C-alpha atoms as a PDB file:
ATOM      1  CA  MET A   1     159.301  37.234 180.548  1.00  0.00           C
ATOM      2  CA  GLY A   2     155.879  38.787 181.040  1.00  0.00           C
ATOM      3  CA  HIS A   3     152.944  39.276 178.718  1.00  0.00           C
ATOM      4  CA  TRP A   4     152.795  42.349 176.496  1.00  0.00           C
ATOM      5  CA  PRO A   5     150.275  44.803 178.074  1.00  0.00           C
ATOM      6  CA  LYS A   6     148.477  45.781 174.867  1.00  0.00           C
ATOM      7  CA  ASP A   7     145.253  46.469 176.776  1.00  0.00           C
ATOM      8  CA  LYS A   8     147.070  49.130 178.847  1.00  0.00           C
ATOM      9  CA  MET A   9     148.864  50.873 175.990  1.00  0.00           C
ATOM     10  CA  LEU A  10     147.796  54.402 175.055  1.00  0.00           C
ATOM     11  CA  ARG A  11     147.968  55.944 171.597  1.00  0.00           C
ATOM     12  CA  HIS A  12     150.422  58.829 171.313  1.00  0.00           C
ATOM     13  CA  GLY A  13     149.963  60.031 167.746  1.00  0.00           C
ATOM     14  CA  PRO A  14     150.943  63.343 166.190  1.00  0.00           C
ATOM     15  CA  ASP A  15     147.391  64.655 166.475  1.00  0.00           C
ATOM     16  CA  LEU A  16     147.936  65.189 170.214  1.00  0.00           C
ATOM     17  CA  PRO A  17     149.837  68.083 171.833  1.00  0.00           C
ATOM     18  CA  MET A  18     153.473  67.155 172.546  1.00  0.00           C
ATOM     19  CA  GLU A  19     152.982  67.286 176.322  1.00  0.00           C
ATOM     20  CA  GLU A  20     150.178  64.713 176.100  1.00  0.00           C
ATOM     21  CA  ARG A  21     152.145  62.533 173.664  1.00  0.00           C
ATOM     22  CA  ILE A  22     155.063  62.456 176.115  1.00  0.00           C
ATOM     23  CA  ARG A  23     152.784  61.663 179.065  1.00  0.00           C
ATOM     24  CA  ARG A  24     151.183  58.762 177.180  1.00  0.00           C
ATOM     25  CA  TYR A  25     154.552  57.479 175.995  1.00  0.00           C
ATOM     26  CA  GLN A  26     155.851  57.499 179.570  1.00  0.00           C
ATOM     27  CA  HIS A  27     152.717  55.594 180.638  1.00  0.00           C
ATOM     28  CA  ASN A  28     153.390  52.982 177.938  1.00  0.00           C
ATOM     29  CA  VAL A  29     157.034  52.530 178.969  1.00  0.00           C
ATOM     30  CA  ARG A  30     155.976  52.071 182.598  1.00  0.00           C
ATOM     31  CA  ALA A  31     153.247  49.583 181.616  1.00  0.00           C
ATOM     32  CA  ILE A  32     155.723  47.555 179.538  1.00  0.00           C
ATOM     33  CA  ARG A  33     158.234  47.467 182.379  1.00  0.00           C
ATOM     34  CA  GLU A  34     155.590  46.596 184.998  1.00  0.00           C
ATOM     35  CA  ALA A  35     154.413  43.695 182.816  1.00  0.00           C
ATOM     36  CA  GLY A  36     157.920  42.282 182.991  1.00  0.00           C
ATOM     37  CA  CYS A  37     158.683  42.943 179.337  1.00  0.00           C
ATOM     38  CA  LYS A  38     161.556  44.804 177.755  1.00  0.00           C
ATOM     39  CA  VAL A  39     160.881  47.998 175.854  1.00  0.00           C
ATOM     40  CA  PRO A  40     161.564  47.122 172.197  1.00  0.00           C
ATOM     41  CA  THR A  41     164.422  49.558 171.627  1.00  0.00           C
ATOM     42  CA  PRO A  42     164.573  49.153 167.840  1.00  0.00           C
ATOM     43  CA  ALA A  43     161.021  50.549 167.770  1.00  0.00           C
ATOM     44  CA  MET A  44     160.931  52.732 170.892  1.00  0.00           C
ATOM     45  CA  VAL A  45     163.269  54.708 173.104  1.00  0.00           C
ATOM     46  CA  ASP A  46     163.538  53.098 176.562  1.00  0.00           C
ATOM     47  CA  SER A  47     163.342  56.303 178.561  1.00  0.00           C
ATOM     48  CA  LEU A  48     161.039  58.342 180.759  1.00  0.00           C
ATOM     49  CA  ASP A  49     162.995  61.559 180.121  1.00  0.00           C
ATOM     50  CA  PRO A  50     160.655  64.037 178.354  1.00  0.00           C
ATOM     51  CA  ALA A  51     163.485  65.602 176.330  1.00  0.00           C
ATOM     52  CA  GLU A  52     164.671  62.217 175.071  1.00  0.00           C
ATOM     53  CA  ILE A  53     161.118  61.181 174.180  1.00  0.00           C
ATOM     54  CA  GLU A  54     160.486  64.448 172.321  1.00  0.00           C
ATOM     55  CA  LEU A  55     163.738  63.952 170.397  1.00  0.00           C
ATOM     56  CA  TRP A  56     162.601  60.401 169.509  1.00  0.00           C
ATOM     57  CA  PHE A  57     159.287  61.800 168.180  1.00  0.00           C
ATOM     58  CA  ALA A  58     161.157  64.457 166.170  1.00  0.00           C
ATOM     59  CA  ASP A  59     163.550  61.879 164.737  1.00  0.00           C
ATOM     60  CA  GLY A  60     160.622  59.690 163.698  1.00  0.00           C
ATOM     61  CA  ALA A  61     158.890  62.634 162.022  1.00  0.00           C
ATOM     62  CA  PHE A  62     162.106  63.509 160.157  1.00  0.00           C
ATOM     63  CA  THR A  63     162.482  59.912 158.958  1.00  0.00           C
ATOM     64  CA  ILE A  64     158.888  59.857 157.719  1.00  0.00           C
ATOM     65  CA  GLN A  65     159.436  63.139 155.863  1.00  0.00           C
ATOM     66  CA  ARG A  66     162.626  61.814 154.217  1.00  0.00           C
ATOM     67  CA  LEU A  67     160.841  58.639 153.128  1.00  0.00           C
ATOM     68  CA  ASP A  68     157.880  60.602 151.766  1.00  0.00           C
ATOM     69  CA  ASN A  69     160.241  62.815 149.758  1.00  0.00           C
ATOM     70  CA  ALA A  70     162.129  59.805 148.390  1.00  0.00           C
ATOM     71  CA  ILE A  71     158.870  58.106 147.379  1.00  0.00           C
ATOM     72  CA  LYS A  72     157.666  61.268 145.617  1.00  0.00           C
ATOM     73  CA  LEU A  73     160.976  61.589 143.747  1.00  0.00           C
ATOM     74  CA  GLN A  74     160.824  57.939 142.710  1.00  0.00           C
ATOM     75  CA  ALA A  75     157.191  58.245 141.613  1.00  0.00           C
ATOM     76  CA  ASN A  76     158.044  61.222 139.396  1.00  0.00           C
ATOM     77  CA  ALA A  77     161.222  59.695 137.908  1.00  0.00           C
ATOM     78  CA  PRO A  78     161.211  58.676 134.237  1.00  0.00           C
ATOM     79  CA  GLU A  79     160.712  54.932 133.776  1.00  0.00           C
ATOM     80  CA  ASP A  80     163.671  54.403 131.388  1.00  0.00           C
ATOM     81  CA  LEU A  81     166.522  55.827 133.489  1.00  0.00           C
ATOM     82  CA  ASP A  82     168.724  52.745 132.929  1.00  0.00           C
ATOM     83  CA  GLN A  83     168.297  52.521 129.157  1.00  0.00           C
ATOM     84  CA  ASP A  84     170.263  54.519 126.618  1.00  0.00           C
ATOM     85  CA  SER A  85     167.971  55.921 123.940  1.00  0.00           C
END
């Protein structure tokens, strides 16, 4: 097993255009593989296919939106939901 190439990893955040995010993600997958490491599939999609990577980004954005909505609903819920008054 190789050493994780953190010094070669590029950021691929939502502030970048999708084409650039995909290019950087592909770079990261290649760097991980070249370092002799496995792509951590629970956290990343192990693919160089642009369509699959874009779908992974979209799925992550959808999950974040669902969590944000759930947190907002919970934050606005009455505190005594379990007690009969």
